[in-house]
PDB file of N, CA and C in Angstrom:
ATOM      1  N   MET A   1     112.614  67.475  65.743  1.00  0.00           N
ATOM      2  CA  MET A   1     111.338  67.373  65.065  1.00  0.00           C
ATOM      3  C   MET A   1     111.305  66.053  64.301  1.00  0.00           C
ATOM      4  N   SER A   2     110.188  65.345  64.396  1.00  0.00           N
ATOM      5  CA  SER A   2     110.066  64.031  63.780  1.00  0.00           C
ATOM      6  C   SER A   2     109.095  64.080  62.604  1.00  0.00           C
ATOM      7  N   GLU A   3     109.502  63.498  61.481  1.00  0.00           N
ATOM      8  CA  GLU A   3     108.607  63.383  60.329  1.00  0.00           C
ATOM      9  C   GLU A   3     107.791  62.101  60.405  1.00  0.00           C
ATOM     10  N   GLU A   4     108.095  61.268  61.391  1.00  0.00           N
ATOM     11  CA  GLU A   4     107.362  60.025  61.599  1.00  0.00           C
ATOM     12  C   GLU A   4     105.926  60.346  62.010  1.00  0.00           C
ATOM     13  N   VAL A   5     104.971  59.624  61.443  1.00  0.00           N
ATOM     14  CA  VAL A   5     103.568  59.827  61.806  1.00  0.00           C
ATOM     15  C   VAL A   5     103.228  58.925  62.983  1.00  0.00           C
ATOM     16  N   HIS A   6     102.704  59.532  64.025  1.00  0.00           N
ATOM     17  CA  HIS A   6     102.285  58.833  65.235  1.00  0.00           C
ATOM     18  C   HIS A   6     100.765  58.749  65.262  1.00  0.00           C
ATOM     19  N   THR A   7     100.234  57.855  66.056  1.00  0.00           N
ATOM     20  CA  THR A   7      98.797  57.819  66.324  1.00  0.00           C
ATOM     21  C   THR A   7      98.609  57.894  67.830  1.00  0.00           C
ATOM     22  N   GLY A   8      97.445  58.400  68.222  1.00  0.00           N
ATOM     23  CA  GLY A   8      97.167  58.524  69.645  1.00  0.00           C
ATOM     24  C   GLY A   8      95.728  58.930  69.890  1.00  0.00           C
ATOM     25  N   THR A   9      95.438  59.267  71.134  1.00  0.00           N
ATOM     26  CA  THR A   9      94.084  59.599  71.565  1.00  0.00           C
ATOM     27  C   THR A   9      94.107  60.918  72.324  1.00  0.00           C
ATOM     28  N   ILE A  10      93.122  61.771  72.049  1.00  0.00           N
ATOM     29  CA  ILE A  10      92.980  63.013  72.804  1.00  0.00           C
ATOM     30  C   ILE A  10      92.580  62.635  74.226  1.00  0.00           C
ATOM     31  N   THR A  11      93.434  62.966  75.191  1.00  0.00           N
ATOM     32  CA  THR A  11      93.148  62.597  76.581  1.00  0.00           C
ATOM     33  C   THR A  11      92.604  63.763  77.385  1.00  0.00           C
ATOM     34  N   LEU A  12      92.891  64.977  76.938  1.00  0.00           N
ATOM     35  CA  LEU A  12      92.401  66.166  77.621  1.00  0.00           C
ATOM     36  C   LEU A  12      92.262  67.261  76.589  1.00  0.00           C
ATOM     37  N   TRP A  13      91.118  67.947  76.604  1.00  0.00           N
ATOM     38  CA  TRP A  13      90.931  69.095  75.716  1.00  0.00           C
ATOM     39  C   TRP A  13      90.271  70.217  76.504  1.00  0.00           C
ATOM     40  N   LEU A  14      90.944  71.341  76.596  1.00  0.00           N
ATOM     41  CA  LEU A  14      90.433  72.526  77.278  1.00  0.00           C
ATOM     42  C   LEU A  14      90.062  73.547  76.211  1.00  0.00           C
ATOM     43  N   GLY A  15      88.857  73.403  75.681  1.00  0.00           N
ATOM     44  CA  GLY A  15      88.412  74.221  74.563  1.00  0.00           C
ATOM     45  C   GLY A  15      88.438  75.709  74.838  1.00  0.00           C
ATOM     46  N   THR A  16      88.118  76.109  76.056  1.00  0.00           N
ATOM     47  CA  THR A  16      88.114  77.536  76.371  1.00  0.00           C
ATOM     48  C   THR A  16      89.528  78.114  76.368  1.00  0.00           C
ATOM     49  N   ARG A  17      90.505  77.260  76.555  1.00  0.00           N
ATOM     50  CA  ARG A  17      91.902  77.710  76.538  1.00  0.00           C
ATOM     51  C   ARG A  17      92.593  77.403  75.207  1.00  0.00           C
ATOM     52  N   GLY A  18      91.968  76.526  74.399  1.00  0.00           N
ATOM     53  CA  GLY A  18      92.503  76.229  73.071  1.00  0.00           C
ATOM     54  C   GLY A  18      93.676  75.279  73.033  1.00  0.00           C
ATOM     55  N   TYR A  19      93.748  74.379  74.019  1.00  0.00           N
ATOM     56  CA  TYR A  19      94.816  73.395  73.978  1.00  0.00           C
ATOM     57  C   TYR A  19      94.413  72.123  74.719  1.00  0.00           C
ATOM     58  N   GLY A  20      95.226  71.097  74.533  1.00  0.00           N
ATOM     59  CA  GLY A  20      94.993  69.827  75.199  1.00  0.00           C
ATOM     60  C   GLY A  20      96.200  68.930  75.030  1.00  0.00           C
ATOM     61  N   PHE A  21      95.977  67.626  75.244  1.00  0.00           N
ATOM     62  CA  PHE A  21      97.072  66.660  75.170  1.00  0.00           C
ATOM     63  C   PHE A  21      96.637  65.405  74.440  1.00  0.00           C
ATOM     64  N   ILE A  22      97.607  64.793  73.770  1.00  0.00           N
ATOM     65  CA  ILE A  22      97.413  63.532  73.066  1.00  0.00           C
ATOM     66  C   ILE A  22      98.260  62.483  73.763  1.00  0.00           C
ATOM     67  N   LYS A  23      97.672  61.326  74.031  1.00  0.00           N
ATOM     68  CA  LYS A  23      98.446  60.182  74.541  1.00  0.00           C
ATOM     69  C   LYS A  23      98.893  59.384  73.329  1.00  0.00           C
ATOM     70  N   ASP A  24     100.192  59.337  73.104  1.00  0.00           N
ATOM     71  CA  ASP A  24     100.774  58.613  71.978  1.00  0.00           C
ATOM     72  C   ASP A  24     100.545  57.117  72.176  1.00  0.00           C
ATOM     73  N   ASP A  25     100.154  56.407  71.106  1.00  0.00           N
ATOM     74  CA  ASP A  25      99.957  54.956  71.193  1.00  0.00           C
ATOM     75  C   ASP A  25     101.264  54.232  71.507  1.00  0.00           C
ATOM     76  N   VAL A  26     102.381  54.802  71.075  1.00  0.00           N
ATOM     77  CA  VAL A  26     103.692  54.257  71.421  1.00  0.00           C
ATOM     78  C   VAL A  26     104.150  55.032  72.652  1.00  0.00           C
ATOM     79  N   PRO A  27     104.468  54.348  73.716  1.00  0.00           N
ATOM     80  CA  PRO A  27     104.734  55.053  74.979  1.00  0.00           C
ATOM     81  C   PRO A  27     106.062  55.818  75.020  1.00  0.00           C
ATOM     82  N   SER A  28     106.467  56.399  73.880  1.00  0.00           N
ATOM     83  CA  SER A  28     107.713  57.161  73.854  1.00  0.00           C
ATOM     84  C   SER A  28     107.535  58.544  74.485  1.00  0.00           C
ATOM     85  N   TYR A  29     106.298  59.018  74.527  1.00  0.00           N
ATOM     86  CA  TYR A  29     105.989  60.312  75.126  1.00  0.00           C
ATOM     87  C   TYR A  29     104.841  60.116  76.109  1.00  0.00           C
ATOM     88  N   LYS A  30     104.910  60.774  77.265  1.00  0.00           N
ATOM     89  CA  LYS A  30     103.826  60.665  78.248  1.00  0.00           C
ATOM     90  C   LYS A  30     102.577  61.364  77.748  1.00  0.00           C
ATOM     91  N   GLY A  31     102.743  62.556  77.214  1.00  0.00           N
ATOM     92  CA  GLY A  31     101.634  63.328  76.683  1.00  0.00           C
ATOM     93  C   GLY A  31     102.198  64.363  75.733  1.00  0.00           C
ATOM     94  N   VAL A  32     101.561  64.520  74.599  1.00  0.00           N
ATOM     95  CA  VAL A  32     102.039  65.463  73.596  1.00  0.00           C
ATOM     96  C   VAL A  32     101.082  66.650  73.584  1.00  0.00           C
ATOM     97  N   PHE A  33     101.608  67.844  73.775  1.00  0.00           N
ATOM     98  CA  PHE A  33     100.819  69.069  73.793  1.00  0.00           C
ATOM     99  C   PHE A  33     100.188  69.304  72.426  1.00  0.00           C
ATOM    100  N   LEU A  34      98.942  69.738  72.431  1.00  0.00           N
ATOM    101  CA  LEU A  34      98.212  70.041  71.199  1.00  0.00           C
ATOM    102  C   LEU A  34      97.579  71.411  71.330  1.00  0.00           C
ATOM    103  N   HIS A  35      97.907  72.320  70.411  1.00  0.00           N
ATOM    104  CA  HIS A  35      97.300  73.652  70.385  1.00  0.00           C
ATOM    105  C   HIS A  35      96.207  73.664  69.320  1.00  0.00           C
ATOM    106  N   ALA A  36      95.164  74.464  69.543  1.00  0.00           N
ATOM    107  CA  ALA A  36      94.026  74.527  68.615  1.00  0.00           C
ATOM    108  C   ALA A  36      94.451  74.874  67.197  1.00  0.00           C
ATOM    109  N   ARG A  37      95.508  75.658  67.029  1.00  0.00           N
ATOM    110  CA  ARG A  37      95.937  76.039  65.672  1.00  0.00           C
ATOM    111  C   ARG A  37      96.422  74.837  64.868  1.00  0.00           C
ATOM    112  N   ASP A  38      96.728  73.718  65.548  1.00  0.00           N
ATOM    113  CA  ASP A  38      97.203  72.523  64.860  1.00  0.00           C
ATOM    114  C   ASP A  38      96.098  71.504  64.596  1.00  0.00           C
ATOM    115  N   LEU A  39      94.854  71.857  64.942  1.00  0.00           N
ATOM    116  CA  LEU A  39      93.716  70.984  64.624  1.00  0.00           C
ATOM    117  C   LEU A  39      93.439  71.070  63.128  1.00  0.00           C
ATOM    118  N   PRO A  40      92.887  70.018  62.534  1.00  0.00           N
ATOM    119  CA  PRO A  40      92.659  70.015  61.084  1.00  0.00           C
ATOM    120  C   PRO A  40      91.545  70.953  60.647  1.00  0.00           C
ATOM    121  N   ASN A  41      91.689  71.501  59.447  1.00  0.00           N
ATOM    122  CA  ASN A  41      90.650  72.271  58.757  1.00  0.00           C
ATOM    123  C   ASN A  41      90.031  73.375  59.594  1.00  0.00           C
ATOM    124  N   GLY A  42      90.821  74.079  60.388  1.00  0.00           N
ATOM    125  CA  GLY A  42      90.314  75.207  61.152  1.00  0.00           C
ATOM    126  C   GLY A  42      89.402  74.839  62.311  1.00  0.00           C
ATOM    127  N   MET A  43      89.392  73.577  62.698  1.00  0.00           N
ATOM    128  CA  MET A  43      88.575  73.169  63.851  1.00  0.00           C
ATOM    129  C   MET A  43      89.017  73.957  65.074  1.00  0.00           C
ATOM    130  N   LYS A  44      88.101  74.215  65.985  1.00  0.00           N
ATOM    131  CA  LYS A  44      88.410  74.913  67.229  1.00  0.00           C
ATOM    132  C   LYS A  44      88.245  74.005  68.439  1.00  0.00           C
ATOM    133  N   ASP A  45      87.619  72.857  68.242  1.00  0.00           N
ATOM    134  CA  ASP A  45      87.288  71.972  69.344  1.00  0.00           C
ATOM    135  C   ASP A  45      87.446  70.524  68.886  1.00  0.00           C
ATOM    136  N   ILE A  46      87.770  69.656  69.828  1.00  0.00           N
ATOM    137  CA  ILE A  46      87.888  68.231  69.526  1.00  0.00           C
ATOM    138  C   ILE A  46      87.517  67.458  70.793  1.00  0.00           C
ATOM    139  N   ALA A  47      86.827  66.364  70.629  1.00  0.00           N
ATOM    140  CA  ALA A  47      86.339  65.597  71.782  1.00  0.00           C
ATOM    141  C   ALA A  47      87.439  64.720  72.368  1.00  0.00           C
ATOM    142  N   GLU A  48      87.445  64.635  73.692  1.00  0.00           N
ATOM    143  CA  GLU A  48      88.343  63.698  74.359  1.00  0.00           C
ATOM    144  C   GLU A  48      87.966  62.288  73.904  1.00  0.00           C
ATOM    145  N   GLY A  49      88.968  61.455  73.692  1.00  0.00           N
ATOM    146  CA  GLY A  49      88.747  60.098  73.201  1.00  0.00           C
ATOM    147  C   GLY A  49      88.871  59.975  71.693  1.00  0.00           C
ATOM    148  N   THR A  50      88.975  61.096  70.980  1.00  0.00           N
ATOM    149  CA  THR A  50      89.124  61.071  69.528  1.00  0.00           C
ATOM    150  C   THR A  50      90.497  60.517  69.155  1.00  0.00           C
ATOM    151  N   LYS A  51      90.531  59.574  68.211  1.00  0.00           N
ATOM    152  CA  LYS A  51      91.789  59.013  67.702  1.00  0.00           C
ATOM    153  C   LYS A  51      92.331  59.944  66.625  1.00  0.00           C
ATOM    154  N   VAL A  52      93.626  60.214  66.688  1.00  0.00           N
ATOM    155  CA  VAL A  52      94.250  61.127  65.738  1.00  0.00           C
ATOM    156  C   VAL A  52      95.601  60.583  65.277  1.00  0.00           C
ATOM    157  N   SER A  53      96.033  61.076  64.124  1.00  0.00           N
ATOM    158  CA  SER A  53      97.407  60.871  63.683  1.00  0.00           C
ATOM    159  C   SER A  53      98.081  62.239  63.736  1.00  0.00           C
ATOM    160  N   PHE A  54      99.396  62.243  63.934  1.00  0.00           N
ATOM    161  CA  PHE A  54     100.101  63.514  64.089  1.00  0.00           C
ATOM    162  C   PHE A  54     101.598  63.305  63.946  1.00  0.00           C
ATOM    163  N   LYS A  55     102.296  64.395  63.717  1.00  0.00           N
ATOM    164  CA  LYS A  55     103.750  64.413  63.748  1.00  0.00           C
ATOM    165  C   LYS A  55     104.151  65.169  65.005  1.00  0.00           C
ATOM    166  N   ILE A  56     105.366  64.969  65.445  1.00  0.00           N
ATOM    167  CA  ILE A  56     105.823  65.618  66.662  1.00  0.00           C
ATOM    168  C   ILE A  56     106.871  66.674  66.329  1.00  0.00           C
ATOM    169  N   GLY A  57     106.571  67.886  66.755  1.00  0.00           N
ATOM    170  CA  GLY A  57     107.525  68.977  66.665  1.00  0.00           C
ATOM    171  C   GLY A  57     108.011  69.293  68.066  1.00  0.00           C
ATOM    172  N   GLU A  58     108.606  70.456  68.222  1.00  0.00           N
ATOM    173  CA  GLU A  58     109.127  70.826  69.532  1.00  0.00           C
ATOM    174  C   GLU A  58     108.909  72.322  69.755  1.00  0.00           C
ATOM    175  N   ARG A  59     108.563  72.660  70.985  1.00  0.00           N
ATOM    176  CA  ARG A  59     108.437  74.055  71.383  1.00  0.00           C
ATOM    177  C   ARG A  59     108.971  74.177  72.798  1.00  0.00           C
ATOM    178  N   ASN A  60     109.913  75.063  72.990  1.00  0.00           N
ATOM    179  CA  ASN A  60     110.548  75.260  74.294  1.00  0.00           C
ATOM    180  C   ASN A  60     111.091  73.948  74.863  1.00  0.00           C
ATOM    181  N   GLY A  61     111.614  73.091  73.986  1.00  0.00           N
ATOM    182  CA  GLY A  61     112.214  71.839  74.422  1.00  0.00           C
ATOM    183  C   GLY A  61     111.228  70.737  74.778  1.00  0.00           C
ATOM    184  N   LYS A  62     109.942  70.956  74.494  1.00  0.00           N
ATOM    185  CA  LYS A  62     108.913  69.959  74.824  1.00  0.00           C
ATOM    186  C   LYS A  62     108.198  69.514  73.554  1.00  0.00           C
ATOM    187  N   PRO A  63     107.698  68.251  73.541  1.00  0.00           N
ATOM    188  CA  PRO A  63     107.010  67.768  72.336  1.00  0.00           C
ATOM    189  C   PRO A  63     105.706  68.516  72.081  1.00  0.00           C
ATOM    190  N   LEU A  64     105.437  68.771  70.806  1.00  0.00           N
ATOM    191  CA  LEU A  64     104.256  69.494  70.355  1.00  0.00           C
ATOM    192  C   LEU A  64     103.678  68.776  69.148  1.00  0.00           C
ATOM    193  N   ALA A  65     102.377  68.478  69.175  1.00  0.00           N
ATOM    194  CA  ALA A  65     101.727  67.816  68.038  1.00  0.00           C
ATOM    195  C   ALA A  65     101.557  68.809  66.893  1.00  0.00           C
ATOM    196  N   ARG A  66     101.781  68.346  65.682  1.00  0.00           N
ATOM    197  CA  ARG A  66     101.538  69.160  64.487  1.00  0.00           C
ATOM    198  C   ARG A  66     101.002  68.247  63.395  1.00  0.00           C
ATOM    199  N   ASP A  67     100.439  68.845  62.355  1.00  0.00           N
ATOM    200  CA  ASP A  67      99.848  68.071  61.249  1.00  0.00           C
ATOM    201  C   ASP A  67      98.871  67.027  61.780  1.00  0.00           C
ATOM    202  N   VAL A  68      97.971  67.443  62.640  1.00  0.00           N
ATOM    203  CA  VAL A  68      97.016  66.543  63.290  1.00  0.00           C
ATOM    204  C   VAL A  68      95.874  66.226  62.342  1.00  0.00           C
ATOM    205  N   HIS A  69      95.488  64.949  62.273  1.00  0.00           N
ATOM    206  CA  HIS A  69      94.361  64.489  61.457  1.00  0.00           C
ATOM    207  C   HIS A  69      93.536  63.490  62.267  1.00  0.00           C
ATOM    208  N   ILE A  70      92.225  63.608  62.151  1.00  0.00           N
ATOM    209  CA  ILE A  70      91.328  62.675  62.839  1.00  0.00           C
ATOM    210  C   ILE A  70      91.328  61.350  62.089  1.00  0.00           C
ATOM    211  N   ILE A  71      91.400  60.252  62.823  1.00  0.00           N
ATOM    212  CA  ILE A  71      91.332  58.912  62.233  1.00  0.00           C
ATOM    213  C   ILE A  71      89.882  58.461  62.280  1.00  0.00           C
ATOM    214  N   ALA A  72      89.352  58.142  61.133  1.00  0.00           N
ATOM    215  CA  ALA A  72      87.942  57.721  61.050  1.00  0.00           C
ATOM    216  C   ALA A  72      87.737  56.325  61.585  1.00  0.00           C
TER     217      ALA A  72
END
């Protein structure tokens, strides 16, 4: 788990399923999984192309976005 704050862009959001992926601006990860429960302030949906900051956790050995915030 990384406490480092990353920035990236929502590349895919499947609102009906409640998850999507973030493309990290630093190419250390191909795509970081994002679950709706990790969206800020109880949001349920987010537009593809939205810039976000996030930390990277891990679930089942794969990267998972947490502490997600929209960059204005």
